[in-house]
Amino acid sequence: MSVKEKKRVQVQIDKELAEEAELIFNELGLNQTAVLNAFYKRVVADGGLPFELKLSEDQKAFLHLLNATKDLPVEKLSSKEQVDAWFKDEEQDY
């Protein structure tokens, strides 16, 4: 039986995300290498990602809000007094 040649894959992942995922891997009795091998095998078997990539409802709503407000003027408030005055002006408009 021949030994398969290995390739090193290095990635950088958000530390908190990695630690949360590792807790789940540990509960499943897996390590990062086993999980990545399983992922790669599924990609090859499926001919693509084994899950759908799409925005969550919150992400879609946020993008819609950004798009709807992109042309609005922005005023930078840099002190508590400015913030208080801005809210006071808003209350008088109603």
C-alpha atoms as a PDB file:
ATOM      1  CA  MET A   1       0.000   0.000   0.000  1.00  0.00           C
ATOM      2  CA  SER A   2       1.494   3.344  -1.006  1.00  0.00           C
ATOM      3  CA  VAL A   3       1.585   6.378   1.244  1.00  0.00           C
ATOM      4  CA  LYS A   4      -0.361   9.315  -0.170  1.00  0.00           C
ATOM      5  CA  GLU A   5       1.506  12.560  -0.573  1.00  0.00           C
ATOM      6  CA  LYS A   6       0.206  15.300   1.727  1.00  0.00           C
ATOM      7  CA  LYS A   7      -0.254  19.001   1.067  1.00  0.00           C
ATOM      8  CA  ARG A   8      -0.147  21.554   3.856  1.00  0.00           C
ATOM      9  CA  VAL A   9      -3.032  24.046   3.864  1.00  0.00           C
ATOM     10  CA  GLN A  10      -2.766  27.092   6.091  1.00  0.00           C
ATOM     11  CA  VAL A  11      -5.665  29.431   6.762  1.00  0.00           C
ATOM     12  CA  GLN A  12      -6.356  32.280   9.117  1.00  0.00           C
ATOM     13  CA  ILE A  13      -9.695  32.163  10.895  1.00  0.00           C
ATOM     14  CA  ASP A  14     -11.189  34.504  13.450  1.00  0.00           C
ATOM     15  CA  LYS A  15      -9.904  33.288  16.831  1.00  0.00           C
ATOM     16  CA  GLU A  16     -13.287  33.283  18.573  1.00  0.00           C
ATOM     17  CA  LEU A  17     -14.951  31.452  15.681  1.00  0.00           C
ATOM     18  CA  ALA A  18     -12.162  28.849  15.605  1.00  0.00           C
ATOM     19  CA  GLU A  19     -12.412  28.247  19.354  1.00  0.00           C
ATOM     20  CA  GLU A  20     -16.203  27.840  19.188  1.00  0.00           C
ATOM     21  CA  ALA A  21     -15.898  25.403  16.281  1.00  0.00           C
ATOM     22  CA  GLU A  22     -13.157  23.431  18.058  1.00  0.00           C
ATOM     23  CA  LEU A  23     -15.501  22.863  21.022  1.00  0.00           C
ATOM     24  CA  ILE A  24     -17.979  21.243  18.644  1.00  0.00           C
ATOM     25  CA  PHE A  25     -15.249  19.241  16.873  1.00  0.00           C
ATOM     26  CA  ASN A  26     -14.053  17.945  20.250  1.00  0.00           C
ATOM     27  CA  GLU A  27     -17.574  16.866  21.223  1.00  0.00           C
ATOM     28  CA  LEU A  28     -17.775  14.976  17.929  1.00  0.00           C
ATOM     29  CA  GLY A  29     -14.388  13.353  18.576  1.00  0.00           C
ATOM     30  CA  LEU A  30     -12.791  15.173  15.640  1.00  0.00           C
ATOM     31  CA  ASN A  31      -9.863  17.499  15.136  1.00  0.00           C
ATOM     32  CA  GLN A  32      -9.382  20.293  12.591  1.00  0.00           C
ATOM     33  CA  THR A  33      -7.510  18.048  10.165  1.00  0.00           C
ATOM     34  CA  ALA A  34     -10.287  15.446  10.145  1.00  0.00           C
ATOM     35  CA  VAL A  35     -12.943  18.125   9.672  1.00  0.00           C
ATOM     36  CA  LEU A  36     -11.089  19.777   6.790  1.00  0.00           C
ATOM     37  CA  ASN A  37     -10.476  16.402   5.125  1.00  0.00           C
ATOM     38  CA  ALA A  38     -14.192  15.591   5.416  1.00  0.00           C
ATOM     39  CA  PHE A  39     -15.078  19.007   3.980  1.00  0.00           C
ATOM     40  CA  TYR A  40     -12.704  18.601   1.013  1.00  0.00           C
ATOM     41  CA  LYS A  41     -14.037  15.082   0.322  1.00  0.00           C
ATOM     42  CA  ARG A  42     -17.614  16.393   0.324  1.00  0.00           C
ATOM     43  CA  VAL A  43     -16.647  19.244  -2.048  1.00  0.00           C
ATOM     44  CA  VAL A  44     -15.141  16.717  -4.466  1.00  0.00           C
ATOM     45  CA  ALA A  45     -18.115  14.333  -4.158  1.00  0.00           C
ATOM     46  CA  ASP A  46     -20.694  17.122  -4.631  1.00  0.00           C
ATOM     47  CA  GLY A  47     -18.724  19.024  -7.245  1.00  0.00           C
ATOM     48  CA  GLY A  48     -19.205  22.172  -5.178  1.00  0.00           C
ATOM     49  CA  LEU A  49     -19.784  23.402  -1.664  1.00  0.00           C
ATOM     50  CA  PRO A  50     -21.880  21.040   0.467  1.00  0.00           C
ATOM     51  CA  PHE A  51     -24.091  23.896   1.646  1.00  0.00           C
ATOM     52  CA  GLU A  52     -25.803  26.919   0.202  1.00  0.00           C
ATOM     53  CA  LEU A  53     -24.096  30.259   0.659  1.00  0.00           C
ATOM     54  CA  LYS A  54     -26.619  33.038   1.080  1.00  0.00           C
ATOM     55  CA  LEU A  55     -27.261  36.064   3.224  1.00  0.00           C
ATOM     56  CA  SER A  56     -29.307  35.762   6.402  1.00  0.00           C
ATOM     57  CA  GLU A  57     -32.507  37.786   6.687  1.00  0.00           C
ATOM     58  CA  ASP A  58     -30.690  40.230   8.999  1.00  0.00           C
ATOM     59  CA  GLN A  59     -27.845  40.648   6.509  1.00  0.00           C
ATOM     60  CA  LYS A  60     -30.296  41.263   3.671  1.00  0.00           C
ATOM     61  CA  ALA A  61     -32.182  43.846   5.759  1.00  0.00           C
ATOM     62  CA  PHE A  62     -28.925  45.611   6.654  1.00  0.00           C
ATOM     63  CA  LEU A  63     -27.866  45.763   2.989  1.00  0.00           C
ATOM     64  CA  HIS A  64     -31.298  47.097   2.056  1.00  0.00           C
ATOM     65  CA  LEU A  65     -30.978  49.784   4.749  1.00  0.00           C
ATOM     66  CA  LEU A  66     -27.489  50.741   3.542  1.00  0.00           C
ATOM     67  CA  ASN A  67     -28.717  50.994  -0.015  1.00  0.00           C
ATOM     68  CA  ALA A  68     -31.788  53.035   0.973  1.00  0.00           C
ATOM     69  CA  THR A  69     -29.708  55.521   2.978  1.00  0.00           C
ATOM     70  CA  LYS A  70     -26.579  55.744   0.824  1.00  0.00           C
ATOM     71  CA  ASP A  71     -27.426  59.194  -0.572  1.00  0.00           C
ATOM     72  CA  LEU A  72     -28.557  60.756   2.699  1.00  0.00           C
ATOM     73  CA  PRO A  73     -26.304  63.467   4.117  1.00  0.00           C
ATOM     74  CA  VAL A  74     -24.281  62.414   7.136  1.00  0.00           C
ATOM     75  CA  GLU A  75     -23.583  64.694  10.073  1.00  0.00           C
ATOM     76  CA  LYS A  76     -20.798  63.716  12.423  1.00  0.00           C
ATOM     77  CA  LEU A  77     -21.683  64.239  16.088  1.00  0.00           C
ATOM     78  CA  SER A  78     -18.531  64.384  18.159  1.00  0.00           C
ATOM     79  CA  SER A  79     -19.747  65.531  21.574  1.00  0.00           C
ATOM     80  CA  LYS A  80     -22.514  64.721  24.023  1.00  0.00           C
ATOM     81  CA  GLU A  81     -23.888  68.213  23.557  1.00  0.00           C
ATOM     82  CA  GLN A  82     -24.172  67.704  19.791  1.00  0.00           C
ATOM     83  CA  VAL A  83     -25.947  64.393  20.295  1.00  0.00           C
ATOM     84  CA  ASP A  84     -28.358  65.941  22.812  1.00  0.00           C
ATOM     85  CA  ALA A  85     -29.049  68.852  20.458  1.00  0.00           C
ATOM     86  CA  TRP A  86     -29.625  66.483  17.540  1.00  0.00           C
ATOM     87  CA  PHE A  87     -32.178  64.462  19.532  1.00  0.00           C
ATOM     88  CA  LYS A  88     -33.839  67.651  20.750  1.00  0.00           C
ATOM     89  CA  ASP A  89     -34.183  68.882  17.143  1.00  0.00           C
ATOM     90  CA  GLU A  90     -35.665  65.511  16.120  1.00  0.00           C
ATOM     91  CA  GLU A  91     -38.283  65.671  18.889  1.00  0.00           C
ATOM     92  CA  GLN A  92     -39.401  69.133  17.777  1.00  0.00           C
ATOM     93  CA  ASP A  93     -40.026  67.909  14.217  1.00  0.00           C
ATOM     94  CA  TYR A  94     -42.903  65.687  15.400  1.00  0.00           C
END
